[in-house]
Amino acid sequence: MKMYNILLFLLCFPTLVWGQNYFNAELPRHLEDNPEYRSILEKKASLGARLHEWGLRVWQSALPTEEKSAVRQLLDTLFNTQKPLAEAWLDSNSLILPDLLNRDSLLAAEQRLARLNREIYILENGVYAPDDFLDKGALFMPYEFRKRIKQLGIKDGETLLEIGASNVQFLAGLNKFRRGLTVYANEIDTNKLKRVAYQLEYSPHFQSKKNTFRPILGTPGSTSMEGIIVDKILMKSTFHHFDQPREMLQSIRRSMDNHTEVVLYEGYREKCQERCCPRLLTRAEIMDLFSEMGYRLKSEKKYGELKTRQYWIMKWVVD
């Protein structure tokens, strides 16, 4: 089938094929330097930082643990998972929100996120997003995701351990763009792990069994994977949250051989300009911790050029 026939088919039947089109669309070469596209990415990054700030506010509040968990899951639902906010949930939990989060602000954030995602969809695919775009859960950008997993170095057939694997959309993207993976999704939060397990079992993004996903409950000082050797160990914006970083690095070493890479995706405290997590580490602190525990830095590369969210990919090995 010629290219123009494929495009005509997609334009005529978006409700049937929008999902495949979204995940498989090839980015036009000029788009990477498109100022409009970059501006939208900046806006989405800024919105994500604001939601993160709200989450910190909840975490530091005096709310009971169960209520904290409920509100944080609400924020997680808004930015990371498949379903939009439910106004009924907001109304039924209105007593939790005062002085922490504003109901109208949450709904406005959701509407803005939906608008940004639609604009991203249009630019990346050249067609308009369907009306149920947000409801379907296509909240991540296929070009940016393919670029990330390429820079993370994830290849078909590898065995991965992701520590802090609560971002189900990252796992869904791996399932779409890679084959033959065995992915151990490690979390220390039981509620988050239950949500991950539920999505792995029931989400349409995981119905194709091209890869194997295994939820693993860890602890603050252990991956619960000691003795199981993997190809790569991923930590995406997770390391600075470790309460026991030395113990965790020691545990991680027990899943490594001479070919295993620890892939760290982190921001540095000295490079963060606004809405910074108070637990961010400096580059020197990260270097000291890994070196102390016997790791050697193999490579380091800045990821992306967004001013508000700067990250680096560090790859570590042991000899």
C-alpha atoms as a PDB file:
ATOM      1  CA  MET A   1       0.000   0.000   0.000  1.00  0.00           C
ATOM      2  CA  LYS A   2       1.418   3.392  -0.970  1.00  0.00           C
ATOM      3  CA  MET A   3       2.138   6.001   1.675  1.00  0.00           C
ATOM      4  CA  TYR A   4      -0.683   8.337   0.623  1.00  0.00           C
ATOM      5  CA  ASN A   5      -3.177   5.471   0.843  1.00  0.00           C
ATOM      6  CA  ILE A   6      -2.025   4.729   4.392  1.00  0.00           C
ATOM      7  CA  LEU A   7      -2.400   8.394   5.345  1.00  0.00           C
ATOM      8  CA  LEU A   8      -5.892   8.513   3.818  1.00  0.00           C
ATOM      9  CA  PHE A   9      -6.874   5.420   5.784  1.00  0.00           C
ATOM     10  CA  LEU A  10      -5.676   6.972   9.044  1.00  0.00           C
ATOM     11  CA  LEU A  11      -7.500  10.226   8.370  1.00  0.00           C
ATOM     12  CA  CYS A  12     -10.751   8.460   7.509  1.00  0.00           C
ATOM     13  CA  PHE A  13     -10.750   5.983  10.387  1.00  0.00           C
ATOM     14  CA  PRO A  14      -9.084   7.636  13.408  1.00  0.00           C
ATOM     15  CA  THR A  15     -11.411   5.982  15.895  1.00  0.00           C
ATOM     16  CA  LEU A  16     -10.280   2.553  14.741  1.00  0.00           C
ATOM     17  CA  VAL A  17      -6.548   3.022  14.471  1.00  0.00           C
ATOM     18  CA  TRP A  18      -5.638   6.032  16.571  1.00  0.00           C
ATOM     19  CA  GLY A  19      -3.713   3.987  19.120  1.00  0.00           C
ATOM     20  CA  GLN A  20      -1.504   2.249  16.593  1.00  0.00           C
ATOM     21  CA  ASN A  21      -0.983   5.522  14.756  1.00  0.00           C
ATOM     22  CA  TYR A  22       0.037   7.270  17.957  1.00  0.00           C
ATOM     23  CA  PHE A  23       2.596   4.709  18.998  1.00  0.00           C
ATOM     24  CA  ASN A  24       4.023   3.961  15.552  1.00  0.00           C
ATOM     25  CA  ALA A  25       4.143   7.440  14.000  1.00  0.00           C
ATOM     26  CA  GLU A  26       7.540   8.430  12.644  1.00  0.00           C
ATOM     27  CA  LEU A  27       8.648  11.908  13.614  1.00  0.00           C
ATOM     28  CA  PRO A  28       9.282  14.272  10.657  1.00  0.00           C
ATOM     29  CA  ARG A  29      12.959  15.200  10.602  1.00  0.00           C
ATOM     30  CA  HIS A  30      12.276  18.910  10.967  1.00  0.00           C
ATOM     31  CA  LEU A  31      10.214  18.499  14.147  1.00  0.00           C
ATOM     32  CA  GLU A  32      13.136  18.039  16.515  1.00  0.00           C
ATOM     33  CA  ASP A  33      14.132  21.664  15.896  1.00  0.00           C
ATOM     34  CA  ASN A  34      10.566  22.952  15.691  1.00  0.00           C
ATOM     35  CA  PRO A  35      10.255  25.857  18.201  1.00  0.00           C
ATOM     36  CA  GLU A  36       6.513  25.269  18.646  1.00  0.00           C
ATOM     37  CA  TYR A  37       7.118  21.624  19.522  1.00  0.00           C
ATOM     38  CA  ARG A  38       9.900  22.528  21.975  1.00  0.00           C
ATOM     39  CA  SER A  39       7.678  25.183  23.574  1.00  0.00           C
ATOM     40  CA  ILE A  40       4.925  22.631  24.166  1.00  0.00           C
ATOM     41  CA  LEU A  41       7.406  20.198  25.719  1.00  0.00           C
ATOM     42  CA  GLU A  42       8.553  22.993  28.034  1.00  0.00           C
ATOM     43  CA  LYS A  43       4.971  23.693  29.085  1.00  0.00           C
ATOM     44  CA  LYS A  44       4.303  20.027  29.800  1.00  0.00           C
ATOM     45  CA  ALA A  45       7.525  19.733  31.803  1.00  0.00           C
ATOM     46  CA  SER A  46       6.523  22.810  33.804  1.00  0.00           C
ATOM     47  CA  LEU A  47       3.107  21.316  34.527  1.00  0.00           C
ATOM     48  CA  GLY A  48       4.732  18.069  35.627  1.00  0.00           C
ATOM     49  CA  ALA A  49       6.998  20.029  37.986  1.00  0.00           C
ATOM     50  CA  ARG A  50       3.963  21.766  39.486  1.00  0.00           C
ATOM     51  CA  LEU A  51       2.237  18.438  40.112  1.00  0.00           C
ATOM     52  CA  HIS A  52       5.438  17.153  41.701  1.00  0.00           C
ATOM     53  CA  GLU A  53       5.468  20.213  43.948  1.00  0.00           C
ATOM     54  CA  TRP A  54       1.882  19.496  44.997  1.00  0.00           C
ATOM     55  CA  GLY A  55       2.888  15.923  45.776  1.00  0.00           C
ATOM     56  CA  LEU A  56       5.702  17.158  48.032  1.00  0.00           C
ATOM     57  CA  ARG A  57       3.240  19.433  49.807  1.00  0.00           C
ATOM     58  CA  VAL A  58       1.000  16.450  50.526  1.00  0.00           C
ATOM     59  CA  TRP A  59       3.952  14.311  51.656  1.00  0.00           C
ATOM     60  CA  GLN A  60       5.105  16.979  54.112  1.00  0.00           C
ATOM     61  CA  SER A  61       1.621  17.634  55.492  1.00  0.00           C
ATOM     62  CA  ALA A  62       0.147  16.334  58.736  1.00  0.00           C
ATOM     63  CA  LEU A  63      -2.478  14.236  56.969  1.00  0.00           C
ATOM     64  CA  PRO A  64      -2.904  10.602  58.059  1.00  0.00           C
ATOM     65  CA  THR A  65      -0.932   8.169  55.921  1.00  0.00           C
ATOM     66  CA  GLU A  66      -4.018   6.746  54.179  1.00  0.00           C
ATOM     67  CA  GLU A  67      -5.203  10.209  53.148  1.00  0.00           C
ATOM     68  CA  LYS A  68      -1.727  11.149  51.938  1.00  0.00           C
ATOM     69  CA  SER A  69      -1.690   8.019  49.829  1.00  0.00           C
ATOM     70  CA  ALA A  70      -5.118   8.819  48.387  1.00  0.00           C
ATOM     71  CA  VAL A  71      -4.142  12.332  47.318  1.00  0.00           C
ATOM     72  CA  ARG A  72      -0.796  11.245  45.884  1.00  0.00           C
ATOM     73  CA  GLN A  73      -2.543   8.536  43.873  1.00  0.00           C
ATOM     74  CA  LEU A  74      -4.859  11.254  42.612  1.00  0.00           C
ATOM     75  CA  LEU A  75      -1.894  13.278  41.330  1.00  0.00           C
ATOM     76  CA  ASP A  76      -0.315  10.142  39.899  1.00  0.00           C
ATOM     77  CA  THR A  77      -3.559   9.396  38.077  1.00  0.00           C
ATOM     78  CA  LEU A  78      -3.582  12.858  36.583  1.00  0.00           C
ATOM     79  CA  PHE A  79      -0.113  12.701  35.038  1.00  0.00           C
ATOM     80  CA  ASN A  80       0.992   9.080  34.701  1.00  0.00           C
ATOM     81  CA  THR A  81      -1.859   6.620  34.357  1.00  0.00           C
ATOM     82  CA  GLN A  82      -4.622   5.775  31.950  1.00  0.00           C
ATOM     83  CA  LYS A  83      -7.615   7.527  33.457  1.00  0.00           C
ATOM     84  CA  PRO A  84      -8.471  11.223  33.793  1.00  0.00           C
ATOM     85  CA  LEU A  85      -9.505  12.754  37.086  1.00  0.00           C
ATOM     86  CA  ALA A  86     -13.002  11.910  38.310  1.00  0.00           C
ATOM     87  CA  GLU A  87     -14.889  14.934  39.607  1.00  0.00           C
ATOM     88  CA  ALA A  88     -16.940  12.572  41.758  1.00  0.00           C
ATOM     89  CA  TRP A  89     -13.732  11.473  43.503  1.00  0.00           C
ATOM     90  CA  LEU A  90     -12.822  15.080  44.191  1.00  0.00           C
ATOM     91  CA  ASP A  91     -16.255  15.782  45.631  1.00  0.00           C
ATOM     92  CA  SER A  92     -16.309  12.677  47.829  1.00  0.00           C
ATOM     93  CA  ASN A  93     -12.843  13.472  49.194  1.00  0.00           C
ATOM     94  CA  SER A  94     -13.321  17.212  49.549  1.00  0.00           C
ATOM     95  CA  LEU A  95     -12.348  17.196  53.232  1.00  0.00           C
ATOM     96  CA  ILE A  96      -8.828  16.038  52.367  1.00  0.00           C
ATOM     97  CA  LEU A  97      -8.110  18.799  49.884  1.00  0.00           C
ATOM     98  CA  PRO A  98      -8.529  22.154  51.712  1.00  0.00           C
ATOM     99  CA  ASP A  99      -5.270  23.991  52.449  1.00  0.00           C
ATOM    100  CA  LEU A 100      -3.353  21.504  50.300  1.00  0.00           C
ATOM    101  CA  LEU A 101      -4.828  21.354  46.835  1.00  0.00           C
ATOM    102  CA  ASN A 102      -7.574  23.321  45.179  1.00  0.00           C
ATOM    103  CA  ARG A 103     -10.251  21.297  43.399  1.00  0.00           C
ATOM    104  CA  ASP A 104     -10.571  23.784  40.550  1.00  0.00           C
ATOM    105  CA  SER A 105      -6.784  23.953  40.167  1.00  0.00           C
ATOM    106  CA  LEU A 106      -6.642  20.179  39.774  1.00  0.00           C
ATOM    107  CA  LEU A 107      -9.351  20.194  37.121  1.00  0.00           C
ATOM    108  CA  ALA A 108      -7.664  23.104  35.342  1.00  0.00           C
ATOM    109  CA  ALA A 109      -4.370  21.189  35.384  1.00  0.00           C
ATOM    110  CA  GLU A 110      -6.105  18.191  33.851  1.00  0.00           C
ATOM    111  CA  GLN A 111      -7.625  20.305  31.082  1.00  0.00           C
ATOM    112  CA  ARG A 112      -4.285  21.941  30.355  1.00  0.00           C
ATOM    113  CA  LEU A 113      -2.533  18.576  30.246  1.00  0.00           C
ATOM    114  CA  ALA A 114      -5.156  17.247  27.832  1.00  0.00           C
ATOM    115  CA  ARG A 115      -4.697  20.291  25.597  1.00  0.00           C
ATOM    116  CA  LEU A 116      -0.899  19.956  25.577  1.00  0.00           C
ATOM    117  CA  ASN A 117      -1.111  16.247  24.809  1.00  0.00           C
ATOM    118  CA  ARG A 118      -3.456  16.925  21.915  1.00  0.00           C
ATOM    119  CA  GLU A 119      -1.064  19.535  20.500  1.00  0.00           C
ATOM    120  CA  ILE A 120       1.852  17.120  20.861  1.00  0.00           C
ATOM    121  CA  TYR A 121      -0.179  14.403  19.161  1.00  0.00           C
ATOM    122  CA  ILE A 122      -1.021  16.645  16.219  1.00  0.00           C
ATOM    123  CA  LEU A 123       2.580  17.762  15.699  1.00  0.00           C
ATOM    124  CA  GLU A 124       3.997  14.251  15.976  1.00  0.00           C
ATOM    125  CA  ASN A 125       1.386  12.510  13.843  1.00  0.00           C
ATOM    126  CA  GLY A 126       0.132  15.124  11.404  1.00  0.00           C
ATOM    127  CA  VAL A 127      -3.491  14.266  12.234  1.00  0.00           C
ATOM    128  CA  TYR A 128      -5.912  15.468  14.865  1.00  0.00           C
ATOM    129  CA  ALA A 129      -6.222  13.525  18.098  1.00  0.00           C
ATOM    130  CA  PRO A 130      -9.528  11.704  18.642  1.00  0.00           C
ATOM    131  CA  ASP A 131     -12.021  13.009  21.170  1.00  0.00           C
ATOM    132  CA  ASP A 132     -11.290  10.193  23.631  1.00  0.00           C
ATOM    133  CA  PHE A 133      -7.534  10.797  23.466  1.00  0.00           C
ATOM    134  CA  LEU A 134      -7.031  11.447  27.199  1.00  0.00           C
ATOM    135  CA  ASP A 135      -9.478   8.720  28.238  1.00  0.00           C
ATOM    136  CA  LYS A 136      -7.492   6.180  26.249  1.00  0.00           C
ATOM    137  CA  GLY A 137      -4.390   7.044  28.218  1.00  0.00           C
ATOM    138  CA  ALA A 138      -1.951   8.015  25.456  1.00  0.00           C
ATOM    139  CA  LEU A 139      -0.123  10.465  27.703  1.00  0.00           C
ATOM    140  CA  PHE A 140       3.450   9.978  26.579  1.00  0.00           C
ATOM    141  CA  MET A 141       5.118  11.101  23.369  1.00  0.00           C
ATOM    142  CA  PRO A 142       6.282   8.314  21.048  1.00  0.00           C
ATOM    143  CA  TYR A 143       9.242  10.203  19.584  1.00  0.00           C
ATOM    144  CA  GLU A 144      10.530  11.340  22.966  1.00  0.00           C
ATOM    145  CA  PHE A 145      10.045   7.845  24.353  1.00  0.00           C
ATOM    146  CA  ARG A 146      11.874   6.111  21.515  1.00  0.00           C
ATOM    147  CA  LYS A 147      14.680   8.626  21.933  1.00  0.00           C
ATOM    148  CA  ARG A 148      14.863   7.914  25.669  1.00  0.00           C
ATOM    149  CA  ILE A 149      14.971   4.123  25.465  1.00  0.00           C
ATOM    150  CA  LYS A 150      17.631   4.399  22.767  1.00  0.00           C
ATOM    151  CA  GLN A 151      19.789   6.595  25.005  1.00  0.00           C
ATOM    152  CA  LEU A 152      19.123   4.325  27.976  1.00  0.00           C
ATOM    153  CA  GLY A 153      20.517   1.557  25.777  1.00  0.00           C
ATOM    154  CA  ILE A 154      17.609  -0.879  26.163  1.00  0.00           C
ATOM    155  CA  LYS A 155      17.782  -3.595  23.493  1.00  0.00           C
ATOM    156  CA  ASP A 156      15.511  -6.447  22.445  1.00  0.00           C
ATOM    157  CA  GLY A 157      15.938  -9.631  24.445  1.00  0.00           C
ATOM    158  CA  GLU A 158      17.536  -8.075  27.515  1.00  0.00           C
ATOM    159  CA  THR A 159      16.715  -8.737  31.152  1.00  0.00           C
ATOM    160  CA  LEU A 160      16.024  -5.520  33.055  1.00  0.00           C
ATOM    161  CA  LEU A 161      15.514  -4.571  36.665  1.00  0.00           C
ATOM    162  CA  GLU A 162      13.757  -1.236  37.080  1.00  0.00           C
ATOM    163  CA  ILE A 163      13.914   0.137  40.616  1.00  0.00           C
ATOM    164  CA  GLY A 164      11.031   2.472  41.361  1.00  0.00           C
ATOM    165  CA  ALA A 165       8.858   1.122  38.554  1.00  0.00           C
ATOM    166  CA  SER A 166       5.577   2.888  39.342  1.00  0.00           C
ATOM    167  CA  ASN A 167       5.416   4.664  35.953  1.00  0.00           C
ATOM    168  CA  VAL A 168       3.231   2.182  34.120  1.00  0.00           C
ATOM    169  CA  GLN A 169       3.426   4.149  30.889  1.00  0.00           C
ATOM    170  CA  PHE A 170       7.182   3.597  30.725  1.00  0.00           C
ATOM    171  CA  LEU A 171       6.568  -0.148  30.984  1.00  0.00           C
ATOM    172  CA  ALA A 172       3.817   0.121  28.355  1.00  0.00           C
ATOM    173  CA  GLY A 173       6.227   1.893  26.035  1.00  0.00           C
ATOM    174  CA  LEU A 174       8.830  -0.822  26.513  1.00  0.00           C
ATOM    175  CA  ASN A 175       6.178  -3.379  25.650  1.00  0.00           C
ATOM    176  CA  LYS A 176       5.358  -1.470  22.474  1.00  0.00           C
ATOM    177  CA  PHE A 177       8.837  -0.713  21.188  1.00  0.00           C
ATOM    178  CA  ARG A 178      10.892  -3.711  22.352  1.00  0.00           C
ATOM    179  CA  ARG A 179      10.597  -7.500  22.062  1.00  0.00           C
ATOM    180  CA  GLY A 180      11.795 -10.385  24.169  1.00  0.00           C
ATOM    181  CA  LEU A 181      12.445  -8.342  27.310  1.00  0.00           C
ATOM    182  CA  THR A 182      12.197  -9.742  30.802  1.00  0.00           C
ATOM    183  CA  VAL A 183      11.464  -6.777  33.067  1.00  0.00           C
ATOM    184  CA  TYR A 184      11.470  -6.982  36.853  1.00  0.00           C
ATOM    185  CA  ALA A 185       9.365  -4.030  38.038  1.00  0.00           C
ATOM    186  CA  ASN A 186      10.617  -3.257  41.541  1.00  0.00           C
ATOM    187  CA  GLU A 187       8.745  -1.044  44.029  1.00  0.00           C
ATOM    188  CA  ILE A 188       8.885  -0.659  47.815  1.00  0.00           C
ATOM    189  CA  ASP A 189       5.399   0.899  48.010  1.00  0.00           C
ATOM    190  CA  THR A 190       2.850  -1.920  48.224  1.00  0.00           C
ATOM    191  CA  ASN A 191      -0.012   0.195  46.888  1.00  0.00           C
ATOM    192  CA  LYS A 192       1.993   1.342  43.872  1.00  0.00           C
ATOM    193  CA  LEU A 193       3.093  -2.212  43.160  1.00  0.00           C
ATOM    194  CA  LYS A 194      -0.520  -3.401  43.275  1.00  0.00           C
ATOM    195  CA  ARG A 195      -1.433  -0.747  40.712  1.00  0.00           C
ATOM    196  CA  VAL A 196       1.462  -1.830  38.499  1.00  0.00           C
ATOM    197  CA  ALA A 197       0.432  -5.480  38.786  1.00  0.00           C
ATOM    198  CA  TYR A 198      -3.174  -4.611  37.933  1.00  0.00           C
ATOM    199  CA  GLN A 199      -2.135  -2.663  34.824  1.00  0.00           C
ATOM    200  CA  LEU A 200       0.191  -5.446  33.699  1.00  0.00           C
ATOM    201  CA  GLU A 201      -2.668  -7.907  33.948  1.00  0.00           C
ATOM    202  CA  TYR A 202      -5.578  -5.906  32.541  1.00  0.00           C
ATOM    203  CA  SER A 203      -4.343  -2.897  30.541  1.00  0.00           C
ATOM    204  CA  PRO A 204      -4.703  -3.232  26.755  1.00  0.00           C
ATOM    205  CA  HIS A 205      -1.129  -1.941  26.463  1.00  0.00           C
ATOM    206  CA  PHE A 206       0.107  -5.281  27.851  1.00  0.00           C
ATOM    207  CA  GLN A 207      -2.183  -7.694  26.020  1.00  0.00           C
ATOM    208  CA  SER A 208       0.468  -8.471  23.407  1.00  0.00           C
ATOM    209  CA  LYS A 209       2.804 -10.865  25.171  1.00  0.00           C
ATOM    210  CA  LYS A 210       5.984  -9.746  23.407  1.00  0.00           C
ATOM    211  CA  ASN A 211       7.741  -9.206  26.721  1.00  0.00           C
ATOM    212  CA  THR A 212       7.618 -10.596  30.247  1.00  0.00           C
ATOM    213  CA  PHE A 213       6.920  -8.297  33.220  1.00  0.00           C
ATOM    214  CA  ARG A 214       7.302  -9.412  36.825  1.00  0.00           C
ATOM    215  CA  PRO A 215       6.348  -7.143  39.756  1.00  0.00           C
ATOM    216  CA  ILE A 216       8.841  -7.365  42.637  1.00  0.00           C
ATOM    217  CA  LEU A 217       8.356  -5.921  46.130  1.00  0.00           C
ATOM    218  CA  GLY A 218      11.605  -4.500  47.455  1.00  0.00           C
ATOM    219  CA  THR A 219      12.618  -2.783  50.683  1.00  0.00           C
ATOM    220  CA  PRO A 220      14.437   0.519  51.351  1.00  0.00           C
ATOM    221  CA  GLY A 221      17.755  -1.344  51.439  1.00  0.00           C
ATOM    222  CA  SER A 222      17.205  -4.296  49.112  1.00  0.00           C
ATOM    223  CA  THR A 223      15.937  -5.040  45.612  1.00  0.00           C
ATOM    224  CA  SER A 224      14.787  -8.535  46.712  1.00  0.00           C
ATOM    225  CA  MET A 225      16.606  -9.679  43.562  1.00  0.00           C
ATOM    226  CA  GLU A 226      19.995 -10.640  44.996  1.00  0.00           C
ATOM    227  CA  GLY A 227      21.595 -13.459  43.019  1.00  0.00           C
ATOM    228  CA  ILE A 228      19.490 -12.906  39.884  1.00  0.00           C
ATOM    229  CA  ILE A 229      21.829 -11.494  37.220  1.00  0.00           C
ATOM    230  CA  VAL A 230      20.361  -8.955  34.783  1.00  0.00           C
ATOM    231  CA  ASP A 231      21.650  -6.997  31.779  1.00  0.00           C
ATOM    232  CA  LYS A 232      20.598  -3.549  32.936  1.00  0.00           C
ATOM    233  CA  ILE A 233      19.403  -1.965  36.165  1.00  0.00           C
ATOM    234  CA  LEU A 234      17.360   1.194  35.621  1.00  0.00           C
ATOM    235  CA  MET A 235      16.794   3.984  38.114  1.00  0.00           C
ATOM    236  CA  LYS A 236      14.809   6.858  36.620  1.00  0.00           C
ATOM    237  CA  SER A 237      14.671   9.886  38.954  1.00  0.00           C
ATOM    238  CA  THR A 238      14.672   7.397  41.815  1.00  0.00           C
ATOM    239  CA  PHE A 239      18.139   7.325  43.333  1.00  0.00           C
ATOM    240  CA  HIS A 240      17.835  10.618  45.218  1.00  0.00           C
ATOM    241  CA  HIS A 241      14.788   9.232  47.048  1.00  0.00           C
ATOM    242  CA  PHE A 242      16.679   6.274  48.544  1.00  0.00           C
ATOM    243  CA  ASP A 243      16.741   6.322  52.337  1.00  0.00           C
ATOM    244  CA  GLN A 244      19.529   3.732  52.380  1.00  0.00           C
ATOM    245  CA  PRO A 245      21.569   4.383  49.214  1.00  0.00           C
ATOM    246  CA  ARG A 246      24.658   2.418  50.285  1.00  0.00           C
ATOM    247  CA  GLU A 247      22.653  -0.646  51.263  1.00  0.00           C
ATOM    248  CA  MET A 248      20.714  -0.446  48.005  1.00  0.00           C
ATOM    249  CA  LEU A 249      23.875  -0.144  45.911  1.00  0.00           C
ATOM    250  CA  GLN A 250      25.286  -3.154  47.736  1.00  0.00           C
ATOM    251  CA  SER A 251      22.103  -5.098  46.977  1.00  0.00           C
ATOM    252  CA  ILE A 252      22.212  -4.021  43.322  1.00  0.00           C
ATOM    253  CA  ARG A 253      25.779  -5.329  42.963  1.00  0.00           C
ATOM    254  CA  ARG A 254      24.512  -8.830  43.734  1.00  0.00           C
ATOM    255  CA  SER A 255      22.480  -8.722  40.492  1.00  0.00           C
ATOM    256  CA  MET A 256      25.463  -7.701  38.362  1.00  0.00           C
ATOM    257  CA  ASP A 257      28.218  -9.407  36.431  1.00  0.00           C
ATOM    258  CA  ASN A 258      30.966  -7.827  34.309  1.00  0.00           C
ATOM    259  CA  HIS A 259      28.469  -7.065  31.514  1.00  0.00           C
ATOM    260  CA  THR A 260      25.684  -5.512  33.605  1.00  0.00           C
ATOM    261  CA  GLU A 261      25.100  -1.768  33.430  1.00  0.00           C
ATOM    262  CA  VAL A 262      23.444   0.380  36.073  1.00  0.00           C
ATOM    263  CA  VAL A 263      21.656   3.131  34.158  1.00  0.00           C
ATOM    264  CA  LEU A 264      20.962   6.207  36.258  1.00  0.00           C
ATOM    265  CA  TYR A 265      18.582   8.874  34.920  1.00  0.00           C
ATOM    266  CA  GLU A 266      18.883  11.813  37.322  1.00  0.00           C
ATOM    267  CA  GLY A 267      18.934  15.556  37.679  1.00  0.00           C
ATOM    268  CA  TYR A 268      21.728  17.301  39.577  1.00  0.00           C
ATOM    269  CA  ARG A 269      20.874  19.674  42.407  1.00  0.00           C
ATOM    270  CA  GLU A 270      23.320  22.349  41.246  1.00  0.00           C
ATOM    271  CA  LYS A 271      21.670  22.383  37.795  1.00  0.00           C
ATOM    272  CA  CYS A 272      18.059  22.596  38.960  1.00  0.00           C
ATOM    273  CA  GLN A 273      16.624  26.101  38.583  1.00  0.00           C
ATOM    274  CA  GLU A 274      13.053  25.905  39.838  1.00  0.00           C
ATOM    275  CA  ARG A 275      10.577  23.573  41.583  1.00  0.00           C
ATOM    276  CA  CYS A 276      13.453  21.362  42.674  1.00  0.00           C
ATOM    277  CA  CYS A 277      12.952  18.279  44.799  1.00  0.00           C
ATOM    278  CA  PRO A 278      14.674  19.010  48.135  1.00  0.00           C
ATOM    279  CA  ARG A 279      16.220  15.539  48.072  1.00  0.00           C
ATOM    280  CA  LEU A 280      18.110  16.012  44.798  1.00  0.00           C
ATOM    281  CA  LEU A 281      21.806  15.171  45.041  1.00  0.00           C
ATOM    282  CA  THR A 282      24.719  17.000  43.496  1.00  0.00           C
ATOM    283  CA  ARG A 283      26.764  15.270  40.831  1.00  0.00           C
ATOM    284  CA  ALA A 284      29.666  15.056  43.292  1.00  0.00           C
ATOM    285  CA  GLU A 285      27.479  13.318  45.890  1.00  0.00           C
ATOM    286  CA  ILE A 286      26.327  10.744  43.347  1.00  0.00           C
ATOM    287  CA  MET A 287      29.890  10.144  42.189  1.00  0.00           C
ATOM    288  CA  ASP A 288      31.111   9.696  45.765  1.00  0.00           C
ATOM    289  CA  LEU A 289      28.376   7.201  46.677  1.00  0.00           C
ATOM    290  CA  PHE A 290      28.863   5.007  43.616  1.00  0.00           C
ATOM    291  CA  SER A 291      32.658   5.102  43.823  1.00  0.00           C
ATOM    292  CA  GLU A 292      32.580   4.258  47.525  1.00  0.00           C
ATOM    293  CA  MET A 293      30.501   1.159  46.775  1.00  0.00           C
ATOM    294  CA  GLY A 294      32.880  -0.081  44.065  1.00  0.00           C
ATOM    295  CA  TYR A 295      31.234   1.190  40.875  1.00  0.00           C
ATOM    296  CA  ARG A 296      33.026   2.705  37.892  1.00  0.00           C
ATOM    297  CA  LEU A 297      31.468   5.399  35.690  1.00  0.00           C
ATOM    298  CA  LYS A 298      31.332   4.108  32.116  1.00  0.00           C
ATOM    299  CA  SER A 299      29.599   7.048  30.433  1.00  0.00           C
ATOM    300  CA  GLU A 300      27.660  10.218  31.183  1.00  0.00           C
ATOM    301  CA  LYS A 301      25.446  12.177  28.811  1.00  0.00           C
ATOM    302  CA  LYS A 302      22.994  15.022  29.189  1.00  0.00           C
ATOM    303  CA  TYR A 303      19.468  14.082  28.149  1.00  0.00           C
ATOM    304  CA  GLY A 304      17.304  16.746  26.495  1.00  0.00           C
ATOM    305  CA  GLU A 305      17.584  20.506  26.433  1.00  0.00           C
ATOM    306  CA  LEU A 306      14.506  21.550  28.414  1.00  0.00           C
ATOM    307  CA  LYS A 307      15.455  24.460  30.654  1.00  0.00           C
ATOM    308  CA  THR A 308      13.109  23.559  33.499  1.00  0.00           C
ATOM    309  CA  ARG A 309      13.913  19.827  33.630  1.00  0.00           C
ATOM    310  CA  GLN A 310      17.528  18.840  32.967  1.00  0.00           C
ATOM    311  CA  TYR A 311      18.610  15.224  33.318  1.00  0.00           C
ATOM    312  CA  TRP A 312      21.751  13.180  32.812  1.00  0.00           C
ATOM    313  CA  ILE A 313      22.124   9.510  31.946  1.00  0.00           C
ATOM    314  CA  MET A 314      25.003   7.936  33.853  1.00  0.00           C
ATOM    315  CA  LYS A 315      26.002   4.330  33.150  1.00  0.00           C
ATOM    316  CA  TRP A 316      27.907   2.440  35.835  1.00  0.00           C
ATOM    317  CA  VAL A 317      29.653  -0.943  35.833  1.00  0.00           C
ATOM    318  CA  VAL A 318      31.628  -3.077  38.272  1.00  0.00           C
ATOM    319  CA  ASP A 319      34.924  -4.758  37.406  1.00  0.00           C
END
